Amino acid sequence: ARGYHLHAWDEKKTQFWADKQTGLSPNPWSRSIGWY
């Protein structure tokens, strides 16, 4: 939907930053996209 990779994913969806539906962090971080 947003057209890029987001920084992190929580399989259990329990982290404070994790989307309750997808487990994804809310933002893309350019350096992490660079590491990938």
ModelCIF file with pLDDT and N, C-alpha, C, O atoms, coordinates in Angstrom:
data_MODEL
#
_entry.id   MODEL 
#
_entity.id                         1 
_entity.type                       polymer 
_entity.pdbx_number_of_molecules   1 
#
_entity_poly.entity_id                      1 
_entity_poly.type                           'polypeptide(L)' 
_entity_poly.nstd_linkage                   no 
_entity_poly.nstd_monomer                   no 
_entity_poly.pdbx_seq_one_letter_code       ARGYHLHAWDEKKTQFWADKQTGLSPNPWSRSIGWY 
_entity_poly.pdbx_seq_one_letter_code_can   ARGYHLHAWDEKKTQFWADKQTGLSPNPWSRSIGWY 
_entity_poly.pdbx_strand_id                 A 
#
loop_
_entity_poly_seq.entity_id 
_entity_poly_seq.num 
_entity_poly_seq.mon_id 
_entity_poly_seq.hetero 
1 1  ALA n 
1 2  ARG n 
1 3  GLY n 
1 4  TYR n 
1 5  HIS n 
1 6  LEU n 
1 7  HIS n 
1 8  ALA n 
1 9  TRP n 
1 10 ASP n 
1 11 GLU n 
1 12 LYS n 
1 13 LYS n 
1 14 THR n 
1 15 GLN n 
1 16 PHE n 
1 17 TRP n 
1 18 ALA n 
1 19 ASP n 
1 20 LYS n 
1 21 GLN n 
1 22 THR n 
1 23 GLY n 
1 24 LEU n 
1 25 SER n 
1 26 PRO n 
1 27 ASN n 
1 28 PRO n 
1 29 TRP n 
1 30 SER n 
1 31 ARG n 
1 32 SER n 
1 33 ILE n 
1 34 GLY n 
1 35 TRP n 
1 36 TYR n 
#
_struct_asym.id          A 
_struct_asym.entity_id   1 
#
loop_
_ma_qa_metric.id 
_ma_qa_metric.mode 
_ma_qa_metric.name 
_ma_qa_metric.software_group_id 
_ma_qa_metric.type 
1 global pLDDT . pLDDT 
2 local  pLDDT . pLDDT 
#
_ma_qa_metric_global.metric_id      1 
_ma_qa_metric_global.metric_value   96.53 
_ma_qa_metric_global.model_id       1 
_ma_qa_metric_global.ordinal_id     1 
#
loop_
_ma_qa_metric_local.label_asym_id 
_ma_qa_metric_local.label_comp_id 
_ma_qa_metric_local.label_seq_id 
_ma_qa_metric_local.metric_id 
_ma_qa_metric_local.metric_value 
_ma_qa_metric_local.model_id 
_ma_qa_metric_local.ordinal_id 
A ALA 1  2 90.00 1 1  
A ARG 2  2 92.00 1 2  
A GLY 3  2 92.00 1 3  
A TYR 4  2 95.00 1 4  
A HIS 5  2 97.00 1 5  
A LEU 6  2 97.00 1 6  
A HIS 7  2 97.00 1 7  
A ALA 8  2 98.00 1 8  
A TRP 9  2 98.00 1 9  
A ASP 10 2 98.00 1 10 
A GLU 11 2 98.00 1 11 
A LYS 12 2 98.00 1 12 
A LYS 13 2 98.00 1 13 
A THR 14 2 97.00 1 14 
A GLN 15 2 97.00 1 15 
A PHE 16 2 97.00 1 16 
A TRP 17 2 97.00 1 17 
A ALA 18 2 98.00 1 18 
A ASP 19 2 96.00 1 19 
A LYS 20 2 96.00 1 20 
A GLN 21 2 95.00 1 21 
A THR 22 2 95.00 1 22 
A GLY 23 2 97.00 1 23 
A LEU 24 2 97.00 1 24 
A SER 25 2 97.00 1 25 
A PRO 26 2 96.00 1 26 
A ASN 27 2 95.00 1 27 
A PRO 28 2 96.00 1 28 
A TRP 29 2 97.00 1 29 
A SER 30 2 98.00 1 30 
A ARG 31 2 97.00 1 31 
A SER 32 2 97.00 1 32 
A ILE 33 2 98.00 1 33 
A GLY 34 2 98.00 1 34 
A TRP 35 2 98.00 1 35 
A TYR 36 2 98.00 1 36 
#
loop_
_atom_site.group_PDB 
_atom_site.id 
_atom_site.type_symbol 
_atom_site.label_atom_id 
_atom_site.label_alt_id 
_atom_site.label_comp_id 
_atom_site.label_asym_id 
_atom_site.label_entity_id 
_atom_site.label_seq_id 
_atom_site.pdbx_PDB_ins_code 
_atom_site.Cartn_x 
_atom_site.Cartn_y 
_atom_site.Cartn_z 
_atom_site.occupancy 
_atom_site.B_iso_or_equiv 
_atom_site.pdbx_formal_charge 
_atom_site.auth_seq_id 
_atom_site.auth_comp_id 
_atom_site.auth_asym_id 
_atom_site.auth_atom_id 
_atom_site.pdbx_PDB_model_num 
ATOM 1   N N  . ALA A 1 1  ? 0.823  -1.210  0.000  1.00 90.00 ? 1  ALA A N  1 
ATOM 2   C CA . ALA A 1 1  ? 0.000  0.000   0.000  1.00 90.00 ? 1  ALA A CA 1 
ATOM 3   C C  . ALA A 1 1  ? 0.858  1.261   0.000  1.00 90.00 ? 1  ALA A C  1 
ATOM 4   O O  . ALA A 1 1  ? 0.498  2.266   -0.612 1.00 90.00 ? 1  ALA A O  1 
ATOM 5   N N  . ARG A 1 2  ? 1.999  1.198   0.694  1.00 92.00 ? 2  ARG A N  1 
ATOM 6   C CA . ARG A 1 2  ? 2.860  2.378   0.798  1.00 92.00 ? 2  ARG A CA 1 
ATOM 7   C C  . ARG A 1 2  ? 4.030  2.339   -0.184 1.00 92.00 ? 2  ARG A C  1 
ATOM 8   O O  . ARG A 1 2  ? 4.635  3.371   -0.474 1.00 92.00 ? 2  ARG A O  1 
ATOM 9   N N  . GLY A 1 3  ? 4.345  1.154   -0.692 1.00 92.00 ? 3  GLY A N  1 
ATOM 10  C CA . GLY A 1 3  ? 5.351  1.046   -1.742 1.00 92.00 ? 3  GLY A CA 1 
ATOM 11  C C  . GLY A 1 3  ? 6.782  1.042   -1.259 1.00 92.00 ? 3  GLY A C  1 
ATOM 12  O O  . GLY A 1 3  ? 7.674  1.477   -1.987 1.00 92.00 ? 3  GLY A O  1 
ATOM 13  N N  . TYR A 1 4  ? 7.030  0.557   -0.034 1.00 95.00 ? 4  TYR A N  1 
ATOM 14  C CA . TYR A 1 4  ? 8.398  0.447   0.456  1.00 95.00 ? 4  TYR A CA 1 
ATOM 15  C C  . TYR A 1 4  ? 8.423  -0.496  1.660  1.00 95.00 ? 4  TYR A C  1 
ATOM 16  O O  . TYR A 1 4  ? 7.386  -0.895  2.191  1.00 95.00 ? 4  TYR A O  1 
ATOM 17  N N  . HIS A 1 5  ? 9.657  -0.840  2.072  1.00 97.00 ? 5  HIS A N  1 
ATOM 18  C CA . HIS A 1 5  ? 9.856  -1.679  3.249  1.00 97.00 ? 5  HIS A CA 1 
ATOM 19  C C  . HIS A 1 5  ? 9.826  -0.821  4.510  1.00 97.00 ? 5  HIS A C  1 
ATOM 20  O O  . HIS A 1 5  ? 10.391 0.273   4.543  1.00 97.00 ? 5  HIS A O  1 
ATOM 21  N N  . LEU A 1 6  ? 9.167  -1.323  5.534  1.00 97.00 ? 6  LEU A N  1 
ATOM 22  C CA . LEU A 1 6  ? 9.183  -0.698  6.850  1.00 97.00 ? 6  LEU A CA 1 
ATOM 23  C C  . LEU A 1 6  ? 10.280 -1.344  7.691  1.00 97.00 ? 6  LEU A C  1 
ATOM 24  O O  . LEU A 1 6  ? 10.736 -2.450  7.402  1.00 97.00 ? 6  LEU A O  1 
ATOM 25  N N  . HIS A 1 7  ? 10.686 -0.639  8.722  1.00 97.00 ? 7  HIS A N  1 
ATOM 26  C CA . HIS A 1 7  ? 11.923 -1.003  9.407  1.00 97.00 ? 7  HIS A CA 1 
ATOM 27  C C  . HIS A 1 7  ? 11.878 -2.378  10.070 1.00 97.00 ? 7  HIS A C  1 
ATOM 28  O O  . HIS A 1 7  ? 12.840 -3.137  9.952  1.00 97.00 ? 7  HIS A O  1 
ATOM 29  N N  . ALA A 1 8  ? 10.812 -2.716  10.750 1.00 98.00 ? 8  ALA A N  1 
ATOM 30  C CA . ALA A 1 8  ? 10.818 -3.926  11.567 1.00 98.00 ? 8  ALA A CA 1 
ATOM 31  C C  . ALA A 1 8  ? 9.448  -4.591  11.565 1.00 98.00 ? 8  ALA A C  1 
ATOM 32  O O  . ALA A 1 8  ? 8.429  -3.964  11.276 1.00 98.00 ? 8  ALA A O  1 
ATOM 33  N N  . TRP A 1 9  ? 9.453  -5.885  11.898 1.00 98.00 ? 9  TRP A N  1 
ATOM 34  C CA . TRP A 1 9  ? 8.226  -6.679  11.944 1.00 98.00 ? 9  TRP A CA 1 
ATOM 35  C C  . TRP A 1 9  ? 8.240  -7.529  13.208 1.00 98.00 ? 9  TRP A C  1 
ATOM 36  O O  . TRP A 1 9  ? 9.223  -8.206  13.508 1.00 98.00 ? 9  TRP A O  1 
ATOM 37  N N  . ASP A 1 10 ? 7.135  -7.482  13.943 1.00 98.00 ? 10 ASP A N  1 
ATOM 38  C CA . ASP A 1 10 ? 6.965  -8.276  15.166 1.00 98.00 ? 10 ASP A CA 1 
ATOM 39  C C  . ASP A 1 10 ? 5.933  -9.361  14.883 1.00 98.00 ? 10 ASP A C  1 
ATOM 40  O O  . ASP A 1 10 ? 4.750  -9.075  14.696 1.00 98.00 ? 10 ASP A O  1 
ATOM 41  N N  . GLU A 1 11 ? 6.392  -10.602 14.855 1.00 98.00 ? 11 GLU A N  1 
ATOM 42  C CA . GLU A 1 11 ? 5.489  -11.708 14.528 1.00 98.00 ? 11 GLU A CA 1 
ATOM 43  C C  . GLU A 1 11 ? 4.325  -11.799 15.503 1.00 98.00 ? 11 GLU A C  1 
ATOM 44  O O  . GLU A 1 11 ? 3.206  -12.118 15.101 1.00 98.00 ? 11 GLU A O  1 
ATOM 45  N N  . LYS A 1 12 ? 4.573  -11.523 16.775 1.00 98.00 ? 12 LYS A N  1 
ATOM 46  C CA . LYS A 1 12 ? 3.534  -11.654 17.805 1.00 98.00 ? 12 LYS A CA 1 
ATOM 47  C C  . LYS A 1 12 ? 2.650  -10.405 17.923 1.00 98.00 ? 12 LYS A C  1 
ATOM 48  O O  . LYS A 1 12 ? 1.610  -10.437 18.580 1.00 98.00 ? 12 LYS A O  1 
ATOM 49  N N  . LYS A 1 13 ? 3.065  -9.316  17.290 1.00 98.00 ? 13 LYS A N  1 
ATOM 50  C CA . LYS A 1 13 ? 2.285  -8.064  17.300 1.00 98.00 ? 13 LYS A CA 1 
ATOM 51  C C  . LYS A 1 13 ? 2.072  -7.523  18.709 1.00 98.00 ? 13 LYS A C  1 
ATOM 52  O O  . LYS A 1 13 ? 1.027  -6.947  19.010 1.00 98.00 ? 13 LYS A O  1 
ATOM 53  N N  . THR A 1 14 ? 3.076  -7.711  19.573 1.00 97.00 ? 14 THR A N  1 
ATOM 54  C CA . THR A 1 14 ? 2.949  -7.271  20.963 1.00 97.00 ? 14 THR A CA 1 
ATOM 55  C C  . THR A 1 14 ? 3.777  -6.048  21.297 1.00 97.00 ? 14 THR A C  1 
ATOM 56  O O  . THR A 1 14 ? 3.541  -5.416  22.326 1.00 97.00 ? 14 THR A O  1 
ATOM 57  N N  . GLN A 1 15 ? 4.759  -5.689  20.445 1.00 97.00 ? 15 GLN A N  1 
ATOM 58  C CA . GLN A 1 15 ? 5.600  -4.529  20.736 1.00 97.00 ? 15 GLN A CA 1 
ATOM 59  C C  . GLN A 1 15 ? 4.779  -3.238  20.643 1.00 97.00 ? 15 GLN A C  1 
ATOM 60  O O  . GLN A 1 15 ? 3.818  -3.160  19.877 1.00 97.00 ? 15 GLN A O  1 
ATOM 61  N N  . PHE A 1 16 ? 5.160  -2.240  21.420 1.00 97.00 ? 16 PHE A N  1 
ATOM 62  C CA . PHE A 1 16 ? 4.391  -0.991  21.443 1.00 97.00 ? 16 PHE A CA 1 
ATOM 63  C C  . PHE A 1 16 ? 4.341  -0.337  20.071 1.00 97.00 ? 16 PHE A C  1 
ATOM 64  O O  . PHE A 1 16 ? 3.392  0.377   19.749 1.00 97.00 ? 16 PHE A O  1 
ATOM 65  N N  . TRP A 1 17 ? 5.381  -0.588  19.254 1.00 97.00 ? 17 TRP A N  1 
ATOM 66  C CA . TRP A 1 17 ? 5.450  0.053   17.939 1.00 97.00 ? 17 TRP A CA 1 
ATOM 67  C C  . TRP A 1 17 ? 4.749  -0.751  16.850 1.00 97.00 ? 17 TRP A C  1 
ATOM 68  O O  . TRP A 1 17 ? 4.577  -0.268  15.731 1.00 97.00 ? 17 TRP A O  1 
ATOM 69  N N  . ALA A 1 18 ? 4.345  -1.979  17.175 1.00 98.00 ? 18 ALA A N  1 
ATOM 70  C CA . ALA A 1 18 ? 3.850  -2.892  16.138 1.00 98.00 ? 18 ALA A CA 1 
ATOM 71  C C  . ALA A 1 18 ? 2.374  -2.641  15.830 1.00 98.00 ? 18 ALA A C  1 
ATOM 72  O O  . ALA A 1 18 ? 1.544  -2.543  16.734 1.00 98.00 ? 18 ALA A O  1 
ATOM 73  N N  . ASP A 1 19 ? 2.071  -2.540  14.548 1.00 96.00 ? 19 ASP A N  1 
ATOM 74  C CA . ASP A 1 19 ? 0.681  -2.462  14.106 1.00 96.00 ? 19 ASP A CA 1 
ATOM 75  C C  . ASP A 1 19 ? -0.040 -3.738  14.530 1.00 96.00 ? 19 ASP A C  1 
ATOM 76  O O  . ASP A 1 19 ? 0.477  -4.838  14.336 1.00 96.00 ? 19 ASP A O  1 
ATOM 77  N N  . LYS A 1 20 ? -1.228 -3.596  15.106 1.00 96.00 ? 20 LYS A N  1 
ATOM 78  C CA . LYS A 1 20 ? -1.928 -4.751  15.670 1.00 96.00 ? 20 LYS A CA 1 
ATOM 79  C C  . LYS A 1 20 ? -2.430 -5.705  14.589 1.00 96.00 ? 20 LYS A C  1 
ATOM 80  O O  . LYS A 1 20 ? -2.743 -6.858  14.884 1.00 96.00 ? 20 LYS A O  1 
ATOM 81  N N  . GLN A 1 21 ? -2.511 -5.245  13.353 1.00 95.00 ? 21 GLN A N  1 
ATOM 82  C CA . GLN A 1 21 ? -2.950 -6.115  12.261 1.00 95.00 ? 21 GLN A CA 1 
ATOM 83  C C  . GLN A 1 21 ? -1.772 -6.753  11.523 1.00 95.00 ? 21 GLN A C  1 
ATOM 84  O O  . GLN A 1 21 ? -1.804 -7.940  11.198 1.00 95.00 ? 21 GLN A O  1 
ATOM 85  N N  . THR A 1 22 ? -0.739 -5.961  11.263 1.00 95.00 ? 22 THR A N  1 
ATOM 86  C CA . THR A 1 22 ? 0.375  -6.441  10.429 1.00 95.00 ? 22 THR A CA 1 
ATOM 87  C C  . THR A 1 22 ? 1.629  -6.775  11.217 1.00 95.00 ? 22 THR A C  1 
ATOM 88  O O  . THR A 1 22 ? 2.464  -7.543  10.740 1.00 95.00 ? 22 THR A O  1 
ATOM 89  N N  . GLY A 1 23 ? 1.783  -6.214  12.418 1.00 97.00 ? 23 GLY A N  1 
ATOM 90  C CA . GLY A 1 23 ? 3.013  -6.375  13.182 1.00 97.00 ? 23 GLY A CA 1 
ATOM 91  C C  . GLY A 1 23 ? 4.133  -5.457  12.743 1.00 97.00 ? 23 GLY A C  1 
ATOM 92  O O  . GLY A 1 23 ? 5.246  -5.555  13.260 1.00 97.00 ? 23 GLY A O  1 
ATOM 93  N N  . LEU A 1 24 ? 3.863  -4.558  11.793 1.00 97.00 ? 24 LEU A N  1 
ATOM 94  C CA . LEU A 1 24 ? 4.897  -3.703  11.241 1.00 97.00 ? 24 LEU A CA 1 
ATOM 95  C C  . LEU A 1 24 ? 5.116  -2.440  12.073 1.00 97.00 ? 24 LEU A C  1 
ATOM 96  O O  . LEU A 1 24 ? 4.197  -1.923  12.708 1.00 97.00 ? 24 LEU A O  1 
ATOM 97  N N  . SER A 1 25 ? 6.359  -1.963  12.048 1.00 97.00 ? 25 SER A N  1 
ATOM 98  C CA . SER A 1 25 ? 6.650  -0.659  12.629 1.00 97.00 ? 25 SER A CA 1 
ATOM 99  C C  . SER A 1 25 ? 6.020  0.424   11.763 1.00 97.00 ? 25 SER A C  1 
ATOM 100 O O  . SER A 1 25 ? 5.747  0.183   10.587 1.00 97.00 ? 25 SER A O  1 
ATOM 101 N N  . PRO A 1 26 ? 5.781  1.613   12.318 1.00 96.00 ? 26 PRO A N  1 
ATOM 102 C CA . PRO A 1 26 ? 5.008  2.613   11.575 1.00 96.00 ? 26 PRO A CA 1 
ATOM 103 C C  . PRO A 1 26 ? 5.764  3.309   10.460 1.00 96.00 ? 26 PRO A C  1 
ATOM 104 O O  . PRO A 1 26 ? 5.141  3.834   9.538  1.00 96.00 ? 26 PRO A O  1 
ATOM 105 N N  . ASN A 1 27 ? 7.110  3.330   10.516 1.00 95.00 ? 27 ASN A N  1 
ATOM 106 C CA . ASN A 1 27 ? 7.861  4.182   9.594  1.00 95.00 ? 27 ASN A CA 1 
ATOM 107 C C  . ASN A 1 27 ? 8.929  3.415   8.823  1.00 95.00 ? 27 ASN A C  1 
ATOM 108 O O  . ASN A 1 27 ? 9.438  2.396   9.291  1.00 95.00 ? 27 ASN A O  1 
ATOM 109 N N  . PRO A 1 28 ? 9.259  3.917   7.638  1.00 96.00 ? 28 PRO A N  1 
ATOM 110 C CA . PRO A 1 28 ? 10.462 3.447   6.950  1.00 96.00 ? 28 PRO A CA 1 
ATOM 111 C C  . PRO A 1 28 ? 11.667 4.216   7.477  1.00 96.00 ? 28 PRO A C  1 
ATOM 112 O O  . PRO A 1 28 ? 11.567 5.406   7.779  1.00 96.00 ? 28 PRO A O  1 
ATOM 113 N N  . TRP A 1 29 ? 12.785 3.547   7.586  1.00 97.00 ? 29 TRP A N  1 
ATOM 114 C CA . TRP A 1 29 ? 14.036 4.167   8.037  1.00 97.00 ? 29 TRP A CA 1 
ATOM 115 C C  . TRP A 1 29 ? 15.057 3.950   6.938  1.00 97.00 ? 29 TRP A C  1 
ATOM 116 O O  . TRP A 1 29 ? 15.385 2.808   6.616  1.00 97.00 ? 29 TRP A O  1 
ATOM 117 N N  . SER A 1 30 ? 15.561 5.018   6.363  1.00 98.00 ? 30 SER A N  1 
ATOM 118 C CA . SER A 1 30 ? 16.401 4.882   5.176  1.00 98.00 ? 30 SER A CA 1 
ATOM 119 C C  . SER A 1 30 ? 17.633 4.033   5.439  1.00 98.00 ? 30 SER A C  1 
ATOM 120 O O  . SER A 1 30 ? 18.030 3.238   4.588  1.00 98.00 ? 30 SER A O  1 
ATOM 121 N N  . ARG A 1 31 ? 18.247 4.192   6.614  1.00 97.00 ? 31 ARG A N  1 
ATOM 122 C CA . ARG A 1 31 ? 19.450 3.404   6.836  1.00 97.00 ? 31 ARG A CA 1 
ATOM 123 C C  . ARG A 1 31 ? 19.134 1.910   6.870  1.00 97.00 ? 31 ARG A C  1 
ATOM 124 O O  . ARG A 1 31 ? 19.933 1.102   6.398  1.00 97.00 ? 31 ARG A O  1 
ATOM 125 N N  . SER A 1 32 ? 17.989 1.536   7.417  1.00 97.00 ? 32 SER A N  1 
ATOM 126 C CA . SER A 1 32 ? 17.658 0.110   7.445  1.00 97.00 ? 32 SER A CA 1 
ATOM 127 C C  . SER A 1 32 ? 17.362 -0.415  6.040  1.00 97.00 ? 32 SER A C  1 
ATOM 128 O O  . SER A 1 32 ? 17.698 -1.556  5.722  1.00 97.00 ? 32 SER A O  1 
ATOM 129 N N  . ILE A 1 33 ? 16.738 0.404   5.204  1.00 98.00 ? 33 ILE A N  1 
ATOM 130 C CA . ILE A 1 33 ? 16.540 0.005   3.809  1.00 98.00 ? 33 ILE A CA 1 
ATOM 131 C C  . ILE A 1 33 ? 17.901 -0.164  3.139  1.00 98.00 ? 33 ILE A C  1 
ATOM 132 O O  . ILE A 1 33 ? 18.088 -1.061  2.316  1.00 98.00 ? 33 ILE A O  1 
ATOM 133 N N  . GLY A 1 34 ? 18.852 0.704   3.498  1.00 98.00 ? 34 GLY A N  1 
ATOM 134 C CA . GLY A 1 34 ? 20.207 0.575   2.974  1.00 98.00 ? 34 GLY A CA 1 
ATOM 135 C C  . GLY A 1 34 ? 20.891 -0.697  3.421  1.00 98.00 ? 34 GLY A C  1 
ATOM 136 O O  . GLY A 1 34 ? 21.555 -1.357  2.622  1.00 98.00 ? 34 GLY A O  1 
ATOM 137 N N  . TRP A 1 35 ? 20.739 -1.058  4.699  1.00 98.00 ? 35 TRP A N  1 
ATOM 138 C CA . TRP A 1 35 ? 21.317 -2.327  5.175  1.00 98.00 ? 35 TRP A CA 1 
ATOM 139 C C  . TRP A 1 35 ? 20.736 -3.500  4.371  1.00 98.00 ? 35 TRP A C  1 
ATOM 140 O O  . TRP A 1 35 ? 21.460 -4.412  3.971  1.00 98.00 ? 35 TRP A O  1 
ATOM 141 N N  . TYR A 1 36 ? 19.441 -3.458  4.148  1.00 98.00 ? 36 TYR A N  1 
ATOM 142 C CA . TYR A 1 36 ? 18.782 -4.552  3.432  1.00 98.00 ? 36 TYR A CA 1 
ATOM 143 C C  . TYR A 1 36 ? 19.288 -4.633  1.990  1.00 98.00 ? 36 TYR A C  1 
ATOM 144 O O  . TYR A 1 36 ? 18.847 -5.495  1.229  1.00 98.00 ? 36 TYR A O  1 
#
